[in-house]
Amino acid sequence: MMITRIGIMAGEIWEYLEKHNRQALMSDIISDLEKDRDIALMSIGWLAREGHVVLEGGSSNYMIKLT
């Protein structure tokens, strides 16, 4: 199921951020995890909606930070 894939990816992103000083560029997360870009973006959105991450920047390459 799609929601399961998004949830699993959200956990992987969380772990990635914890290992990278609690922040990383969105492009680095996507390329380093080598996962589907669309699923990664949905997962970042999920984490943001739940208040677990914030996105900073005005370009397409946002800085993602754990809250």
PDB file of N, CA and C in Angstrom:
ATOM      1  N   MET A   1       0.838  -1.194   0.000  1.00  0.00           N
ATOM      2  CA  MET A   1       0.000   0.000   0.000  1.00  0.00           C
ATOM      3  C   MET A   1       0.875   1.245   0.000  1.00  0.00           C
ATOM      4  N   MET A   2       0.364   2.268  -0.636  1.00  0.00           N
ATOM      5  CA  MET A   2       1.103   3.525  -0.750  1.00  0.00           C
ATOM      6  C   MET A   2       1.359   4.154   0.617  1.00  0.00           C
ATOM      7  N   ILE A   3       0.366   4.169   1.488  1.00  0.00           N
ATOM      8  CA  ILE A   3       0.544   4.811   2.794  1.00  0.00           C
ATOM      9  C   ILE A   3       1.633   4.116   3.594  1.00  0.00           C
ATOM     10  N   THR A   4       1.775   2.822   3.428  1.00  0.00           N
ATOM     11  CA  THR A   4       2.831   2.076   4.113  1.00  0.00           C
ATOM     12  C   THR A   4       4.189   2.490   3.582  1.00  0.00           C
ATOM     13  N   ARG A   5       4.311   2.621   2.270  1.00  0.00           N
ATOM     14  CA  ARG A   5       5.580   3.047   1.665  1.00  0.00           C
ATOM     15  C   ARG A   5       5.967   4.447   2.133  1.00  0.00           C
ATOM     16  N   ILE A   6       4.982   5.340   2.214  1.00  0.00           N
ATOM     17  CA  ILE A   6       5.240   6.702   2.670  1.00  0.00           C
ATOM     18  C   ILE A   6       5.685   6.691   4.123  1.00  0.00           C
ATOM     19  N   GLY A   7       5.031   5.904   4.961  1.00  0.00           N
ATOM     20  CA  GLY A   7       5.388   5.816   6.375  1.00  0.00           C
ATOM     21  C   GLY A   7       6.778   5.253   6.595  1.00  0.00           C
ATOM     22  N   ILE A   8       7.120   4.216   5.854  1.00  0.00           N
ATOM     23  CA  ILE A   8       8.454   3.619   5.980  1.00  0.00           C
ATOM     24  C   ILE A   8       9.513   4.629   5.554  1.00  0.00           C
ATOM     25  N   MET A   9       9.253   5.319   4.459  1.00  0.00           N
ATOM     26  CA  MET A   9      10.203   6.324   3.980  1.00  0.00           C
ATOM     27  C   MET A   9      10.326   7.473   4.969  1.00  0.00           C
ATOM     28  N   ALA A  10       9.237   7.862   5.598  1.00  0.00           N
ATOM     29  CA  ALA A  10       9.292   8.926   6.608  1.00  0.00           C
ATOM     30  C   ALA A  10      10.230   8.520   7.744  1.00  0.00           C
ATOM     31  N   GLY A  11      10.166   7.271   8.150  1.00  0.00           N
ATOM     32  CA  GLY A  11      11.074   6.780   9.186  1.00  0.00           C
ATOM     33  C   GLY A  11      12.521   6.798   8.733  1.00  0.00           C
ATOM     34  N   GLU A  12      12.762   6.451   7.480  1.00  0.00           N
ATOM     35  CA  GLU A  12      14.123   6.478   6.948  1.00  0.00           C
ATOM     36  C   GLU A  12      14.655   7.910   6.881  1.00  0.00           C
ATOM     37  N   ILE A  13      13.792   8.842   6.522  1.00  0.00           N
ATOM     38  CA  ILE A  13      14.201  10.252   6.478  1.00  0.00           C
ATOM     39  C   ILE A  13      14.522  10.746   7.880  1.00  0.00           C
ATOM     40  N   TRP A  14      13.695  10.382   8.840  1.00  0.00           N
ATOM     41  CA  TRP A  14      13.928  10.768  10.239  1.00  0.00           C
ATOM     42  C   TRP A  14      15.300  10.267  10.688  1.00  0.00           C
ATOM     43  N   GLU A  15      15.584   9.000  10.442  1.00  0.00           N
ATOM     44  CA  GLU A  15      16.875   8.422  10.822  1.00  0.00           C
ATOM     45  C   GLU A  15      18.029   9.121  10.099  1.00  0.00           C
ATOM     46  N   TYR A  16      17.846   9.422   8.833  1.00  0.00           N
ATOM     47  CA  TYR A  16      18.865  10.127   8.059  1.00  0.00           C
ATOM     48  C   TYR A  16      19.170  11.472   8.697  1.00  0.00           C
ATOM     49  N   LEU A  17      18.135  12.220   9.040  1.00  0.00           N
ATOM     50  CA  LEU A  17      18.324  13.531   9.659  1.00  0.00           C
ATOM     51  C   LEU A  17      19.022  13.416  11.009  1.00  0.00           C
ATOM     52  N   GLU A  18      18.664  12.413  11.796  1.00  0.00           N
ATOM     53  CA  GLU A  18      19.325  12.221  13.083  1.00  0.00           C
ATOM     54  C   GLU A  18      20.819  11.968  12.919  1.00  0.00           C
ATOM     55  N   LYS A  19      21.194  11.272  11.861  1.00  0.00           N
ATOM     56  CA  LYS A  19      22.605  10.964  11.604  1.00  0.00           C
ATOM     57  C   LYS A  19      23.360  12.121  10.964  1.00  0.00           C
ATOM     58  N   HIS A  20      22.637  13.123  10.488  1.00  0.00           N
ATOM     59  CA  HIS A  20      23.248  14.246   9.781  1.00  0.00           C
ATOM     60  C   HIS A  20      22.974  15.565  10.502  1.00  0.00           C
ATOM     61  N   ASN A  21      23.236  15.580  11.786  1.00  0.00           N
ATOM     62  CA  ASN A  21      23.137  16.807  12.582  1.00  0.00           C
ATOM     63  C   ASN A  21      21.737  17.427  12.560  1.00  0.00           C
ATOM     64  N   ARG A  22      20.717  16.559  12.426  1.00  0.00           N
ATOM     65  CA  ARG A  22      19.309  16.954  12.503  1.00  0.00           C
ATOM     66  C   ARG A  22      18.848  17.846  11.359  1.00  0.00           C
ATOM     67  N   GLN A  23      19.658  17.937  10.278  1.00  0.00           N
ATOM     68  CA  GLN A  23      19.237  18.734   9.131  1.00  0.00           C
ATOM     69  C   GLN A  23      19.969  18.283   7.881  1.00  0.00           C
ATOM     70  N   ALA A  24      19.342  18.506   6.733  1.00  0.00           N
ATOM     71  CA  ALA A  24      19.963  18.164   5.453  1.00  0.00           C
ATOM     72  C   ALA A  24      19.170  18.815   4.334  1.00  0.00           C
ATOM     73  N   LEU A  25      19.837  18.992   3.206  1.00  0.00           N
ATOM     74  CA  LEU A  25      19.149  19.491   2.025  1.00  0.00           C
ATOM     75  C   LEU A  25      18.252  18.387   1.462  1.00  0.00           C
ATOM     76  N   MET A  26      17.102  18.792   0.962  1.00  0.00           N
ATOM     77  CA  MET A  26      16.162  17.830   0.413  1.00  0.00           C
ATOM     78  C   MET A  26      16.818  17.001  -0.695  1.00  0.00           C
ATOM     79  N   SER A  27      17.604  17.619  -1.541  1.00  0.00           N
ATOM     80  CA  SER A  27      18.251  16.886  -2.633  1.00  0.00           C
ATOM     81  C   SER A  27      19.218  15.830  -2.112  1.00  0.00           C
ATOM     82  N   ASP A  28      19.905  16.125  -1.010  1.00  0.00           N
ATOM     83  CA  ASP A  28      20.831  15.152  -0.425  1.00  0.00           C
ATOM     84  C   ASP A  28      20.079  13.962   0.161  1.00  0.00           C
ATOM     85  N   ILE A  29      18.982  14.235   0.822  1.00  0.00           N
ATOM     86  CA  ILE A  29      18.176  13.156   1.400  1.00  0.00           C
ATOM     87  C   ILE A  29      17.719  12.208   0.292  1.00  0.00           C
ATOM     88  N   ILE A  30      17.166  12.776  -0.757  1.00  0.00           N
ATOM     89  CA  ILE A  30      16.617  11.964  -1.850  1.00  0.00           C
ATOM     90  C   ILE A  30      17.715  11.164  -2.542  1.00  0.00           C
ATOM     91  N   SER A  31      18.841  11.802  -2.831  1.00  0.00           N
ATOM     92  CA  SER A  31      19.902  11.076  -3.551  1.00  0.00           C
ATOM     93  C   SER A  31      20.602  10.056  -2.658  1.00  0.00           C
ATOM     94  N   ASP A  32      20.840  10.387  -1.399  1.00  0.00           N
ATOM     95  CA  ASP A  32      21.545   9.463  -0.511  1.00  0.00           C
ATOM     96  C   ASP A  32      20.707   8.233  -0.162  1.00  0.00           C
ATOM     97  N   LEU A  33      19.415   8.405  -0.010  1.00  0.00           N
ATOM     98  CA  LEU A  33      18.558   7.272   0.333  1.00  0.00           C
ATOM     99  C   LEU A  33      18.223   6.423  -0.888  1.00  0.00           C
ATOM    100  N   GLU A  34      18.457   6.962  -2.078  1.00  0.00           N
ATOM    101  CA  GLU A  34      18.240   6.238  -3.336  1.00  0.00           C
ATOM    102  C   GLU A  34      16.849   5.601  -3.402  1.00  0.00           C
ATOM    103  N   LYS A  35      15.856   6.406  -3.081  1.00  0.00           N
ATOM    104  CA  LYS A  35      14.467   5.955  -3.135  1.00  0.00           C
ATOM    105  C   LYS A  35      13.701   6.793  -4.142  1.00  0.00           C
ATOM    106  N   ASP A  36      12.480   6.418  -4.414  1.00  0.00           N
ATOM    107  CA  ASP A  36      11.613   7.135  -5.326  1.00  0.00           C
ATOM    108  C   ASP A  36      11.404   8.571  -4.837  1.00  0.00           C
ATOM    109  N   ARG A  37      11.674   9.535  -5.713  1.00  0.00           N
ATOM    110  CA  ARG A  37      11.583  10.955  -5.355  1.00  0.00           C
ATOM    111  C   ARG A  37      10.177  11.336  -4.902  1.00  0.00           C
ATOM    112  N   ASP A  38       9.163  10.855  -5.600  1.00  0.00           N
ATOM    113  CA  ASP A  38       7.785  11.204  -5.240  1.00  0.00           C
ATOM    114  C   ASP A  38       7.423  10.704  -3.846  1.00  0.00           C
ATOM    115  N   ILE A  39       7.821   9.481  -3.519  1.00  0.00           N
ATOM    116  CA  ILE A  39       7.542   8.934  -2.188  1.00  0.00           C
ATOM    117  C   ILE A  39       8.297   9.748  -1.135  1.00  0.00           C
ATOM    118  N   ALA A  40       9.535  10.130  -1.441  1.00  0.00           N
ATOM    119  CA  ALA A  40      10.322  10.942  -0.501  1.00  0.00           C
ATOM    120  C   ALA A  40       9.638  12.282  -0.247  1.00  0.00           C
ATOM    121  N   LEU A  41       9.140  12.920  -1.292  1.00  0.00           N
ATOM    122  CA  LEU A  41       8.469  14.211  -1.122  1.00  0.00           C
ATOM    123  C   LEU A  41       7.185  14.071  -0.310  1.00  0.00           C
ATOM    124  N   MET A  42       6.424  13.010  -0.569  1.00  0.00           N
ATOM    125  CA  MET A  42       5.213  12.774   0.222  1.00  0.00           C
ATOM    126  C   MET A  42       5.565  12.524   1.684  1.00  0.00           C
ATOM    127  N   SER A  43       6.646  11.809   1.927  1.00  0.00           N
ATOM    128  CA  SER A  43       7.073  11.499   3.287  1.00  0.00           C
ATOM    129  C   SER A  43       7.530  12.755   4.021  1.00  0.00           C
ATOM    130  N   ILE A  44       8.246  13.622   3.328  1.00  0.00           N
ATOM    131  CA  ILE A  44       8.664  14.891   3.931  1.00  0.00           C
ATOM    132  C   ILE A  44       7.427  15.724   4.264  1.00  0.00           C
ATOM    133  N   GLY A  45       6.458  15.740   3.361  1.00  0.00           N
ATOM    134  CA  GLY A  45       5.211  16.456   3.633  1.00  0.00           C
ATOM    135  C   GLY A  45       4.484  15.913   4.845  1.00  0.00           C
ATOM    136  N   TRP A  46       4.468  14.598   4.978  1.00  0.00           N
ATOM    137  CA  TRP A  46       3.830  13.954   6.120  1.00  0.00           C
ATOM    138  C   TRP A  46       4.532  14.385   7.410  1.00  0.00           C
ATOM    139  N   LEU A  47       5.869  14.307   7.409  1.00  0.00           N
ATOM    140  CA  LEU A  47       6.629  14.704   8.594  1.00  0.00           C
ATOM    141  C   LEU A  47       6.398  16.176   8.936  1.00  0.00           C
ATOM    142  N   ALA A  48       6.307  17.023   7.908  1.00  0.00           N
ATOM    143  CA  ALA A  48       6.064  18.450   8.137  1.00  0.00           C
ATOM    144  C   ALA A  48       4.663  18.673   8.706  1.00  0.00           C
ATOM    145  N   ARG A  49       3.688  17.990   8.158  1.00  0.00           N
ATOM    146  CA  ARG A  49       2.305  18.150   8.630  1.00  0.00           C
ATOM    147  C   ARG A  49       2.153  17.711  10.078  1.00  0.00           C
ATOM    148  N   GLU A  50       2.896  16.686  10.456  1.00  0.00           N
ATOM    149  CA  GLU A  50       2.848  16.185  11.827  1.00  0.00           C
ATOM    150  C   GLU A  50       3.708  17.017  12.779  1.00  0.00           C
ATOM    151  N   GLY A  51       4.451  18.000  12.242  1.00  0.00           N
ATOM    152  CA  GLY A  51       5.262  18.877  13.082  1.00  0.00           C
ATOM    153  C   GLY A  51       6.620  18.301  13.462  1.00  0.00           C
ATOM    154  N   HIS A  52       7.054  17.267  12.760  1.00  0.00           N
ATOM    155  CA  HIS A  52       8.334  16.632  13.075  1.00  0.00           C
ATOM    156  C   HIS A  52       9.515  17.281  12.364  1.00  0.00           C
ATOM    157  N   VAL A  53       9.242  17.950  11.245  1.00  0.00           N
ATOM    158  CA  VAL A  53      10.296  18.659  10.512  1.00  0.00           C
ATOM    159  C   VAL A  53       9.777  20.025  10.091  1.00  0.00           C
ATOM    160  N   VAL A  54      10.731  20.921   9.832  1.00  0.00           N
ATOM    161  CA  VAL A  54      10.415  22.199   9.210  1.00  0.00           C
ATOM    162  C   VAL A  54      11.245  22.304   7.938  1.00  0.00           C
ATOM    163  N   LEU A  55      10.714  23.030   6.972  1.00  0.00           N
ATOM    164  CA  LEU A  55      11.403  23.263   5.715  1.00  0.00           C
ATOM    165  C   LEU A  55      11.786  24.729   5.666  1.00  0.00           C
ATOM    166  N   GLU A  56      13.042  24.994   5.322  1.00  0.00           N
ATOM    167  CA  GLU A  56      13.510  26.368   5.227  1.00  0.00           C
ATOM    168  C   GLU A  56      14.088  26.604   3.847  1.00  0.00           C
ATOM    169  N   GLY A  57      13.914  27.822   3.357  1.00  0.00           N
ATOM    170  CA  GLY A  57      14.448  28.199   2.060  1.00  0.00           C
ATOM    171  C   GLY A  57      13.333  28.521   1.100  1.00  0.00           C
ATOM    172  N   GLY A  58      13.690  29.195   0.035  1.00  0.00           N
ATOM    173  CA  GLY A  58      12.679  29.598  -0.919  1.00  0.00           C
ATOM    174  C   GLY A  58      12.850  28.976  -2.283  1.00  0.00           C
ATOM    175  N   SER A  59      13.857  28.160  -2.420  1.00  0.00           N
ATOM    176  CA  SER A  59      14.094  27.524  -3.715  1.00  0.00           C
ATOM    177  C   SER A  59      13.507  26.123  -3.708  1.00  0.00           C
ATOM    178  N   SER A  60      13.764  25.382  -4.761  1.00  0.00           N
ATOM    179  CA  SER A  60      13.257  24.017  -4.829  1.00  0.00           C
ATOM    180  C   SER A  60      14.082  23.051  -3.989  1.00  0.00           C
ATOM    181  N   ASN A  61      15.226  23.499  -3.480  1.00  0.00           N
ATOM    182  CA  ASN A  61      16.077  22.630  -2.659  1.00  0.00           C
ATOM    183  C   ASN A  61      16.035  23.102  -1.213  1.00  0.00           C
ATOM    184  N   TYR A  62      15.010  22.698  -0.504  1.00  0.00           N
ATOM    185  CA  TYR A  62      14.789  23.145   0.864  1.00  0.00           C
ATOM    186  C   TYR A  62      15.736  22.466   1.847  1.00  0.00           C
ATOM    187  N   MET A  63      16.027  23.162   2.939  1.00  0.00           N
ATOM    188  CA  MET A  63      16.719  22.569   4.068  1.00  0.00           C
ATOM    189  C   MET A  63      15.637  21.947   4.941  1.00  0.00           C
ATOM    190  N   ILE A  64      15.788  20.666   5.262  1.00  0.00           N
ATOM    191  CA  ILE A  64      14.830  19.954   6.101  1.00  0.00           C
ATOM    192  C   ILE A  64      15.472  19.802   7.472  1.00  0.00           C
ATOM    193  N   LYS A  65      14.758  20.220   8.520  1.00  0.00           N
ATOM    194  CA  LYS A  65      15.300  20.170   9.879  1.00  0.00           C
ATOM    195  C   LYS A  65      14.319  19.469  10.809  1.00  0.00           C
ATOM    196  N   LEU A  66      14.851  18.589  11.653  1.00  0.00           N
ATOM    197  CA  LEU A  66      14.020  17.991  12.696  1.00  0.00           C
ATOM    198  C   LEU A  66      13.658  19.068  13.707  1.00  0.00           C
ATOM    199  N   THR A  67      12.435  19.012  14.231  1.00  0.00           N
ATOM    200  CA  THR A  67      12.029  19.984  15.238  1.00  0.00           C
ATOM    201  C   THR A  67      12.335  19.472  16.620  1.00  0.00           C
TER     202      THR A  67
END
